[in-house]
Amino acid sequence: MAKRHSSLGTAAPSSALDIDLEVARLQGMTVKQLRERFAEIFGESTNSKNRIWLVRRIAWRMQANAYGGLSERALQRARELAATSTLRQTAPRPKSARSSGPTIVRSVPFGGDTRLPLPGAEISREYKGRTILVRVLPKGFEFSGQIYKSLSAVAKHITGSHCNGYHFFRLGKEGAA
């Protein structure tokens, strides 16, 4: 009895590969196992960790090995297309060879976040019946004698859960609201 695979359109002996069974086996493998199987079948390793791509490529190669690759007509057509395609004949030049002139270096002023008051100012907020005072530093924030890198870190310390510091302290687009 001959098995027929609809996408191939060719009959194969019953001892040949059952592609549906092999694909089912591949789908049950981990990505690590698929990468190992890829190396076995292709004779080279892959950097891909995309499960779907690995399953498809391995199944394609197994099918091509069992039933044969592309027909001679398809290979000839591929050669014709490649012959008429425009291909780069020289490798790209290194970046240093491409520079058209000297590099211009200039400093760009950064205005800082406009939502924050200037260093030295204090931000206050009523939270659960107590007043929270945070001093703005040039690089960070001071709260209860401790320095924090961000307002979110201060808000997390106060609330016990992560929240946006600007929202917690009600700092809008134009500074303290």
N, C-alpha and C. Protein backbone atom coordinates (compact mmCIF):
# COMPACT_ATOMS: atom_id res chain seq x y z
N MET A 1 0.85 -1.19 0.00
CA MET A 1 0.00 0.00 0.00
C MET A 1 0.89 1.24 0.00
N ALA A 2 0.61 2.23 -0.81
CA ALA A 2 1.42 3.45 -0.90
C ALA A 2 0.79 4.56 -0.09
N LYS A 3 1.65 5.33 0.56
CA LYS A 3 1.19 6.52 1.28
C LYS A 3 1.35 7.70 0.35
N ARG A 4 0.45 8.62 0.45
CA ARG A 4 0.51 9.79 -0.42
C ARG A 4 0.45 11.02 0.47
N HIS A 5 1.35 11.95 0.23
CA HIS A 5 1.34 13.22 0.97
C HIS A 5 0.82 14.28 0.03
N SER A 6 -0.26 14.94 0.41
CA SER A 6 -0.95 15.84 -0.49
C SER A 6 -0.09 16.98 -1.01
N SER A 7 0.84 17.50 -0.22
CA SER A 7 1.63 18.63 -0.68
C SER A 7 2.71 18.21 -1.66
N LEU A 8 3.06 16.92 -1.67
CA LEU A 8 4.10 16.46 -2.59
C LEU A 8 3.53 16.01 -3.91
N GLY A 9 2.37 15.38 -3.86
CA GLY A 9 1.77 14.90 -5.08
C GLY A 9 2.47 13.66 -5.63
N THR A 10 3.31 13.00 -4.83
CA THR A 10 4.00 11.80 -5.27
C THR A 10 3.76 10.69 -4.29
N ALA A 11 3.76 9.47 -4.79
CA ALA A 11 3.56 8.32 -3.93
C ALA A 11 4.90 7.85 -3.40
N ALA A 12 4.90 7.32 -2.19
CA ALA A 12 6.11 6.80 -1.58
C ALA A 12 5.81 5.44 -1.00
N PRO A 13 6.79 4.56 -0.94
CA PRO A 13 6.57 3.26 -0.35
C PRO A 13 6.21 3.38 1.13
N SER A 14 5.54 2.37 1.68
CA SER A 14 5.08 2.43 3.07
C SER A 14 6.23 2.50 4.05
N SER A 15 7.44 2.08 3.67
CA SER A 15 8.58 2.14 4.56
C SER A 15 9.18 3.55 4.61
N ALA A 16 8.70 4.43 3.75
CA ALA A 16 9.22 5.79 3.70
C ALA A 16 8.72 6.59 4.90
N LEU A 17 9.19 7.79 5.01
CA LEU A 17 8.89 8.69 6.10
C LEU A 17 7.40 9.00 6.19
N ASP A 18 6.83 8.94 7.40
CA ASP A 18 5.46 9.39 7.64
C ASP A 18 5.59 10.81 8.18
N ILE A 19 5.49 11.79 7.32
CA ILE A 19 5.77 13.18 7.68
C ILE A 19 4.84 13.68 8.77
N ASP A 20 3.57 13.26 8.75
CA ASP A 20 2.64 13.71 9.79
C ASP A 20 3.07 13.23 11.17
N LEU A 21 3.53 11.99 11.25
CA LEU A 21 4.00 11.44 12.52
C LEU A 21 5.27 12.16 12.98
N GLU A 22 6.16 12.43 12.05
CA GLU A 22 7.41 13.12 12.39
C GLU A 22 7.14 14.55 12.86
N VAL A 23 6.23 15.24 12.20
CA VAL A 23 5.88 16.61 12.62
C VAL A 23 5.28 16.58 14.02
N ALA A 24 4.44 15.61 14.31
CA ALA A 24 3.86 15.49 15.65
C ALA A 24 4.96 15.26 16.68
N ARG A 25 5.96 14.43 16.35
CA ARG A 25 7.08 14.23 17.27
C ARG A 25 7.85 15.53 17.48
N LEU A 26 8.09 16.24 16.38
CA LEU A 26 8.84 17.51 16.48
C LEU A 26 8.11 18.50 17.35
N GLN A 27 6.81 18.58 17.23
CA GLN A 27 6.03 19.54 18.01
C GLN A 27 6.04 19.23 19.49
N GLY A 28 6.35 17.99 19.85
CA GLY A 28 6.43 17.61 21.26
C GLY A 28 7.80 17.87 21.87
N MET A 29 8.76 18.32 21.06
CA MET A 29 10.13 18.54 21.54
C MET A 29 10.30 19.95 22.10
N THR A 30 11.28 20.09 22.98
CA THR A 30 11.65 21.40 23.49
C THR A 30 12.48 22.12 22.43
N VAL A 31 12.68 23.41 22.60
CA VAL A 31 13.49 24.18 21.65
C VAL A 31 14.92 23.64 21.63
N LYS A 32 15.44 23.26 22.78
CA LYS A 32 16.79 22.71 22.83
C LYS A 32 16.88 21.42 22.01
N GLN A 33 15.89 20.54 22.18
CA GLN A 33 15.87 19.29 21.41
C GLN A 33 15.72 19.56 19.92
N LEU A 34 14.90 20.56 19.57
CA LEU A 34 14.73 20.90 18.16
C LEU A 34 16.04 21.42 17.56
N ARG A 35 16.76 22.22 18.33
CA ARG A 35 18.05 22.74 17.84
C ARG A 35 19.04 21.59 17.63
N GLU A 36 19.03 20.61 18.54
CA GLU A 36 19.91 19.44 18.38
C GLU A 36 19.51 18.63 17.15
N ARG A 37 18.22 18.46 16.95
CA ARG A 37 17.72 17.71 15.78
C ARG A 37 18.08 18.45 14.50
N PHE A 38 17.97 19.77 14.52
CA PHE A 38 18.34 20.59 13.37
C PHE A 38 19.81 20.34 13.01
N ALA A 39 20.67 20.34 14.02
CA ALA A 39 22.10 20.12 13.79
C ALA A 39 22.34 18.74 13.20
N GLU A 40 21.60 17.73 13.67
CA GLU A 40 21.75 16.38 13.12
C GLU A 40 21.36 16.33 11.65
N ILE A 41 20.24 16.95 11.33
CA ILE A 41 19.70 16.84 9.97
C ILE A 41 20.45 17.74 8.98
N PHE A 42 20.76 18.96 9.39
CA PHE A 42 21.39 19.91 8.47
C PHE A 42 22.91 19.85 8.51
N GLY A 43 23.46 19.25 9.57
CA GLY A 43 24.91 19.18 9.67
C GLY A 43 25.54 20.48 10.11
N GLU A 44 24.76 21.38 10.63
CA GLU A 44 25.25 22.65 11.17
C GLU A 44 24.29 23.14 12.23
N SER A 45 24.79 23.95 13.14
CA SER A 45 23.93 24.43 14.23
C SER A 45 23.15 25.65 13.76
N THR A 46 22.18 26.02 14.56
CA THR A 46 21.37 27.20 14.27
C THR A 46 21.31 28.07 15.51
N ASN A 47 21.17 29.37 15.32
CA ASN A 47 21.00 30.29 16.44
C ASN A 47 19.53 30.52 16.75
N SER A 48 18.66 30.04 15.89
CA SER A 48 17.23 30.28 16.05
C SER A 48 16.68 29.58 17.29
N LYS A 49 15.80 30.28 17.98
CA LYS A 49 15.07 29.70 19.10
C LYS A 49 13.57 29.77 18.84
N ASN A 50 13.23 29.98 17.57
CA ASN A 50 11.84 30.07 17.16
C ASN A 50 11.32 28.66 16.89
N ARG A 51 10.48 28.18 17.78
CA ARG A 51 9.98 26.80 17.72
C ARG A 51 9.31 26.50 16.38
N ILE A 52 8.42 27.36 15.92
CA ILE A 52 7.68 27.12 14.69
C ILE A 52 8.64 27.02 13.50
N TRP A 53 9.58 27.94 13.41
CA TRP A 53 10.55 27.92 12.32
C TRP A 53 11.37 26.64 12.34
N LEU A 54 11.82 26.25 13.52
CA LEU A 54 12.62 25.03 13.63
C LEU A 54 11.83 23.80 13.20
N VAL A 55 10.59 23.68 13.66
CA VAL A 55 9.77 22.53 13.27
C VAL A 55 9.59 22.50 11.76
N ARG A 56 9.28 23.64 11.16
CA ARG A 56 9.05 23.70 9.72
C ARG A 56 10.30 23.35 8.92
N ARG A 57 11.44 23.92 9.33
CA ARG A 57 12.68 23.66 8.60
C ARG A 57 13.10 22.19 8.72
N ILE A 58 12.99 21.62 9.92
CA ILE A 58 13.37 20.22 10.11
C ILE A 58 12.44 19.32 9.30
N ALA A 59 11.14 19.58 9.38
CA ALA A 59 10.17 18.77 8.63
C ALA A 59 10.44 18.88 7.13
N TRP A 60 10.73 20.08 6.65
CA TRP A 60 11.01 20.28 5.23
C TRP A 60 12.22 19.45 4.80
N ARG A 61 13.30 19.51 5.60
CA ARG A 61 14.51 18.78 5.24
C ARG A 61 14.28 17.27 5.30
N MET A 62 13.54 16.81 6.30
CA MET A 62 13.26 15.38 6.40
C MET A 62 12.44 14.92 5.18
N GLN A 63 11.48 15.75 4.80
CA GLN A 63 10.65 15.43 3.65
C GLN A 63 11.48 15.45 2.37
N ALA A 64 12.35 16.45 2.23
CA ALA A 64 13.21 16.54 1.04
C ALA A 64 14.15 15.35 0.99
N ASN A 65 14.70 14.93 2.12
CA ASN A 65 15.59 13.77 2.15
C ASN A 65 14.85 12.49 1.77
N ALA A 66 13.60 12.36 2.25
CA ALA A 66 12.84 11.14 2.00
C ALA A 66 12.29 11.08 0.58
N TYR A 67 11.78 12.19 0.08
CA TYR A 67 11.10 12.19 -1.21
C TYR A 67 11.90 12.85 -2.32
N GLY A 68 13.02 13.44 -1.98
CA GLY A 68 13.79 14.17 -2.97
C GLY A 68 13.52 15.65 -2.82
N GLY A 69 14.46 16.46 -3.27
CA GLY A 69 14.33 17.91 -3.14
C GLY A 69 13.47 18.49 -4.24
N LEU A 70 13.85 19.65 -4.72
CA LEU A 70 13.12 20.30 -5.80
C LEU A 70 13.33 19.54 -7.09
N SER A 71 12.34 19.63 -7.96
CA SER A 71 12.45 18.98 -9.26
C SER A 71 13.52 19.70 -10.09
N GLU A 72 14.00 19.03 -11.12
CA GLU A 72 15.02 19.64 -11.99
C GLU A 72 14.47 20.90 -12.64
N ARG A 73 13.17 20.88 -12.98
CA ARG A 73 12.54 22.06 -13.60
C ARG A 73 12.57 23.25 -12.62
N ALA A 74 12.23 23.00 -11.35
CA ALA A 74 12.23 24.06 -10.35
C ALA A 74 13.65 24.59 -10.12
N LEU A 75 14.63 23.69 -10.08
CA LEU A 75 16.02 24.13 -9.91
C LEU A 75 16.47 24.98 -11.09
N GLN A 76 16.09 24.60 -12.31
CA GLN A 76 16.46 25.36 -13.50
C GLN A 76 15.83 26.75 -13.45
N ARG A 77 14.57 26.82 -13.05
CA ARG A 77 13.89 28.12 -12.95
C ARG A 77 14.56 29.01 -11.90
N ALA A 78 14.97 28.42 -10.79
CA ALA A 78 15.67 29.18 -9.74
C ALA A 78 16.99 29.73 -10.29
N ARG A 79 17.70 28.91 -11.07
CA ARG A 79 18.95 29.38 -11.68
C ARG A 79 18.69 30.54 -12.64
N GLU A 80 17.62 30.45 -13.43
CA GLU A 80 17.27 31.52 -14.36
C GLU A 80 16.98 32.82 -13.62
N LEU A 81 16.20 32.72 -12.56
CA LEU A 81 15.86 33.91 -11.77
C LEU A 81 17.11 34.52 -11.14
N ALA A 82 17.98 33.67 -10.64
CA ALA A 82 19.21 34.16 -10.02
C ALA A 82 20.10 34.83 -11.05
N ALA A 83 20.13 34.31 -12.27
CA ALA A 83 20.99 34.87 -13.31
C ALA A 83 20.51 36.25 -13.74
N THR A 84 19.22 36.51 -13.68
CA THR A 84 18.70 37.81 -14.12
C THR A 84 18.57 38.81 -12.97
N SER A 85 18.84 38.39 -11.75
CA SER A 85 18.73 39.29 -10.61
C SER A 85 19.96 40.18 -10.51
N THR A 86 19.74 41.37 -9.99
CA THR A 86 20.84 42.28 -9.74
C THR A 86 21.42 41.95 -8.37
N LEU A 87 22.68 41.57 -8.36
CA LEU A 87 23.33 41.21 -7.11
C LEU A 87 24.51 42.13 -6.87
N ARG A 88 24.82 42.37 -5.62
CA ARG A 88 25.98 43.18 -5.27
C ARG A 88 27.23 42.41 -5.68
N GLN A 89 28.11 43.07 -6.39
CA GLN A 89 29.32 42.44 -6.86
C GLN A 89 30.51 42.68 -5.94
N THR A 90 30.44 43.73 -5.12
CA THR A 90 31.53 44.02 -4.18
C THR A 90 30.96 44.14 -2.78
N ALA A 91 31.79 43.85 -1.84
CA ALA A 91 31.37 43.93 -0.44
C ALA A 91 31.24 45.40 -0.04
N PRO A 92 30.39 45.70 0.93
CA PRO A 92 30.26 47.08 1.40
C PRO A 92 31.57 47.55 2.03
N ARG A 93 31.86 48.82 1.84
CA ARG A 93 33.07 49.38 2.43
C ARG A 93 32.88 49.56 3.92
N PRO A 94 33.97 49.50 4.68
CA PRO A 94 33.85 49.74 6.13
C PRO A 94 33.33 51.15 6.39
N LYS A 95 32.73 51.34 7.55
CA LYS A 95 32.15 52.64 7.89
C LYS A 95 33.18 53.76 7.87
N SER A 96 34.39 53.46 8.31
CA SER A 96 35.40 54.52 8.35
C SER A 96 35.73 55.03 6.95
N ALA A 97 35.66 54.18 5.94
CA ALA A 97 35.95 54.59 4.57
C ALA A 97 34.81 55.40 3.99
N ARG A 98 33.61 55.28 4.56
CA ARG A 98 32.45 55.97 4.03
C ARG A 98 32.32 57.40 4.54
N SER A 99 33.03 57.77 5.59
CA SER A 99 32.82 59.10 6.16
C SER A 99 33.22 60.16 5.15
N SER A 100 32.38 61.15 5.03
CA SER A 100 32.59 62.19 4.03
C SER A 100 33.33 63.40 4.58
N GLY A 101 33.59 63.42 5.85
CA GLY A 101 34.28 64.57 6.42
C GLY A 101 34.49 64.37 7.90
N PRO A 102 34.96 65.41 8.56
CA PRO A 102 35.22 65.28 10.00
C PRO A 102 33.91 65.14 10.78
N THR A 103 34.00 64.45 11.90
CA THR A 103 32.85 64.29 12.77
C THR A 103 32.67 65.56 13.57
N ILE A 104 31.46 66.05 13.59
CA ILE A 104 31.16 67.28 14.33
C ILE A 104 30.61 66.87 15.69
N VAL A 105 31.26 67.36 16.73
CA VAL A 105 30.84 67.06 18.09
C VAL A 105 30.38 68.36 18.74
N ARG A 106 29.19 68.32 19.30
CA ARG A 106 28.70 69.50 20.02
C ARG A 106 27.83 69.04 21.18
N SER A 107 27.78 69.83 22.18
CA SER A 107 26.96 69.47 23.33
C SER A 107 25.53 69.95 23.10
N VAL A 108 24.61 69.13 23.53
CA VAL A 108 23.20 69.46 23.40
C VAL A 108 22.65 69.62 24.81
N PRO A 109 22.13 70.79 25.11
CA PRO A 109 21.63 71.00 26.47
C PRO A 109 20.40 70.13 26.74
N PHE A 110 20.36 69.55 27.93
CA PHE A 110 19.21 68.77 28.34
C PHE A 110 18.51 69.54 29.43
N GLY A 111 17.27 69.84 29.20
CA GLY A 111 16.50 70.64 30.13
C GLY A 111 16.01 69.87 31.33
N GLY A 112 16.20 68.56 31.34
CA GLY A 112 15.69 67.76 32.45
C GLY A 112 14.20 67.54 32.31
N ASP A 113 13.65 66.82 33.24
CA ASP A 113 12.23 66.51 33.20
C ASP A 113 11.47 67.72 33.74
N THR A 114 10.60 68.27 32.92
CA THR A 114 9.87 69.48 33.32
C THR A 114 8.83 69.21 34.39
N ARG A 115 8.56 67.94 34.66
CA ARG A 115 7.58 67.62 35.70
C ARG A 115 8.16 67.80 37.10
N LEU A 116 9.49 67.77 37.19
CA LEU A 116 10.15 67.86 38.50
C LEU A 116 10.50 69.30 38.84
N PRO A 117 10.37 69.66 40.12
CA PRO A 117 10.87 70.97 40.54
C PRO A 117 12.40 70.94 40.59
N LEU A 118 13.03 72.06 40.72
CA LEU A 118 14.49 72.15 40.75
C LEU A 118 15.05 71.45 41.99
N PRO A 119 16.31 71.00 41.93
CA PRO A 119 16.93 70.37 43.11
C PRO A 119 16.87 71.30 44.32
N GLY A 120 16.59 70.73 45.47
CA GLY A 120 16.45 71.49 46.71
C GLY A 120 14.99 71.68 47.10
N ALA A 121 14.09 71.59 46.13
CA ALA A 121 12.66 71.76 46.40
C ALA A 121 12.12 70.50 47.06
N GLU A 122 10.97 70.63 47.69
CA GLU A 122 10.33 69.49 48.32
C GLU A 122 9.00 69.19 47.64
N ILE A 123 8.73 67.91 47.51
CA ILE A 123 7.46 67.46 46.96
C ILE A 123 6.69 66.87 48.13
N SER A 124 5.42 67.25 48.25
CA SER A 124 4.63 66.73 49.36
C SER A 124 3.37 66.05 48.83
N ARG A 125 2.87 65.11 49.63
CA ARG A 125 1.67 64.39 49.26
C ARG A 125 1.06 63.82 50.52
N GLU A 126 -0.24 63.92 50.64
CA GLU A 126 -0.97 63.29 51.73
C GLU A 126 -1.23 61.85 51.33
N TYR A 127 -0.86 60.89 52.21
CA TYR A 127 -1.09 59.49 51.90
C TYR A 127 -1.45 58.76 53.18
N LYS A 128 -2.65 58.20 53.22
CA LYS A 128 -3.16 57.43 54.36
C LYS A 128 -3.02 58.20 55.68
N GLY A 129 -3.42 59.46 55.64
CA GLY A 129 -3.46 60.28 56.84
C GLY A 129 -2.13 60.87 57.27
N ARG A 130 -1.08 60.71 56.49
CA ARG A 130 0.20 61.35 56.86
C ARG A 130 0.73 62.12 55.66
N THR A 131 1.54 63.12 55.96
CA THR A 131 2.13 63.95 54.91
C THR A 131 3.49 63.38 54.55
N ILE A 132 3.67 63.11 53.27
CA ILE A 132 4.92 62.57 52.74
C ILE A 132 5.71 63.73 52.17
N LEU A 133 6.97 63.92 52.63
CA LEU A 133 7.83 64.98 52.10
C LEU A 133 9.06 64.34 51.47
N VAL A 134 9.31 64.69 50.21
CA VAL A 134 10.46 64.17 49.47
C VAL A 134 11.25 65.37 48.96
N ARG A 135 12.56 65.37 49.23
CA ARG A 135 13.43 66.46 48.75
C ARG A 135 14.05 66.04 47.42
N VAL A 136 13.98 66.93 46.43
CA VAL A 136 14.57 66.68 45.12
C VAL A 136 16.06 66.99 45.20
N LEU A 137 16.89 66.04 44.81
CA LEU A 137 18.34 66.21 44.79
C LEU A 137 18.81 66.32 43.34
N PRO A 138 20.04 66.79 43.10
CA PRO A 138 20.53 66.85 41.72
C PRO A 138 20.50 65.49 41.02
N LYS A 139 20.77 64.42 41.78
CA LYS A 139 20.72 63.07 41.21
C LYS A 139 20.00 62.15 42.18
N GLY A 140 18.70 62.26 42.24
CA GLY A 140 17.93 61.38 43.10
C GLY A 140 16.95 62.14 43.96
N PHE A 141 16.45 61.40 44.98
CA PHE A 141 15.43 61.95 45.87
C PHE A 141 15.71 61.46 47.28
N GLU A 142 15.46 62.34 48.27
CA GLU A 142 15.67 61.98 49.66
C GLU A 142 14.33 61.87 50.35
N PHE A 143 14.15 60.74 51.05
CA PHE A 143 12.94 60.53 51.82
C PHE A 143 13.31 59.80 53.09
N SER A 144 12.95 60.35 54.24
CA SER A 144 13.21 59.77 55.55
C SER A 144 14.69 59.43 55.74
N GLY A 145 15.57 60.31 55.28
CA GLY A 145 17.00 60.11 55.48
C GLY A 145 17.65 59.15 54.50
N GLN A 146 16.89 58.59 53.57
CA GLN A 146 17.45 57.68 52.57
C GLN A 146 17.39 58.33 51.19
N ILE A 147 18.37 57.97 50.34
CA ILE A 147 18.44 58.48 48.99
C ILE A 147 17.88 57.42 48.03
N TYR A 148 17.02 57.83 47.13
CA TYR A 148 16.43 56.95 46.12
C TYR A 148 16.77 57.50 44.74
N LYS A 149 16.94 56.58 43.78
CA LYS A 149 17.29 57.00 42.42
C LYS A 149 16.10 57.57 41.66
N SER A 150 14.90 57.16 42.01
CA SER A 150 13.73 57.61 41.26
C SER A 150 12.55 57.84 42.19
N LEU A 151 11.59 58.60 41.68
CA LEU A 151 10.36 58.81 42.44
C LEU A 151 9.58 57.51 42.57
N SER A 152 9.70 56.65 41.57
CA SER A 152 9.00 55.36 41.64
C SER A 152 9.55 54.52 42.79
N ALA A 153 10.85 54.59 43.04
CA ALA A 153 11.45 53.85 44.15
C ALA A 153 10.92 54.39 45.48
N VAL A 154 10.76 55.70 45.59
CA VAL A 154 10.21 56.29 46.80
C VAL A 154 8.77 55.83 46.98
N ALA A 155 7.99 55.89 45.90
CA ALA A 155 6.58 55.49 45.96
C ALA A 155 6.46 54.02 46.33
N LYS A 156 7.36 53.18 45.81
CA LYS A 156 7.32 51.75 46.14
C LYS A 156 7.62 51.55 47.62
N HIS A 157 8.59 52.30 48.15
CA HIS A 157 8.93 52.18 49.57
C HIS A 157 7.72 52.58 50.43
N ILE A 158 7.01 53.58 50.01
CA ILE A 158 5.87 54.09 50.79
C ILE A 158 4.68 53.14 50.71
N THR A 159 4.35 52.71 49.49
CA THR A 159 3.13 51.92 49.29
C THR A 159 3.35 50.42 49.41
N GLY A 160 4.58 49.97 49.20
CA GLY A 160 4.85 48.54 49.24
C GLY A 160 4.63 47.84 47.92
N SER A 161 4.20 48.57 46.91
CA SER A 161 4.02 47.98 45.58
C SER A 161 4.48 48.98 44.54
N HIS A 162 4.82 48.46 43.36
CA HIS A 162 5.33 49.34 42.32
C HIS A 162 4.23 50.25 41.81
N CYS A 163 4.58 51.50 41.65
CA CYS A 163 3.68 52.45 41.00
C CYS A 163 4.52 53.57 40.40
N ASN A 164 3.95 54.27 39.47
CA ASN A 164 4.64 55.36 38.81
C ASN A 164 4.79 56.51 39.81
N GLY A 165 6.03 56.93 40.03
CA GLY A 165 6.29 57.98 41.01
C GLY A 165 5.66 59.31 40.65
N TYR A 166 5.67 59.65 39.36
CA TYR A 166 5.06 60.91 38.93
C TYR A 166 3.56 60.90 39.20
N HIS A 167 2.92 59.75 38.97
CA HIS A 167 1.48 59.66 39.25
C HIS A 167 1.21 59.67 40.75
N PHE A 168 2.04 58.95 41.50
CA PHE A 168 1.84 58.88 42.95
C PHE A 168 1.94 60.27 43.57
N PHE A 169 2.92 61.05 43.15
CA PHE A 169 3.10 62.39 43.72
C PHE A 169 2.31 63.45 42.95
N ARG A 170 1.51 63.00 42.01
CA ARG A 170 0.62 63.87 41.24
C ARG A 170 1.37 64.98 40.52
N LEU A 171 2.44 64.59 39.87
CA LEU A 171 3.21 65.56 39.08
C LEU A 171 2.77 65.43 37.63
N GLY A 172 2.15 66.47 37.12
CA GLY A 172 1.64 66.44 35.76
C GLY A 172 2.70 66.83 34.74
N LYS A 173 2.25 67.17 33.55
CA LYS A 173 3.16 67.52 32.45
C LYS A 173 3.93 68.81 32.72
N GLU A 174 3.38 69.69 33.54
CA GLU A 174 4.01 70.99 33.74
C GLU A 174 4.55 71.19 35.16
N GLY A 175 4.82 70.11 35.87
CA GLY A 175 5.34 70.24 37.23
C GLY A 175 4.27 69.86 38.23
N ALA A 176 4.52 70.20 39.49
CA ALA A 176 3.59 69.83 40.57
C ALA A 176 2.24 70.47 40.32
N ALA A 177 1.21 69.65 40.47
CA ALA A 177 -0.15 70.13 40.20
C ALA A 177 -0.82 70.59 41.45
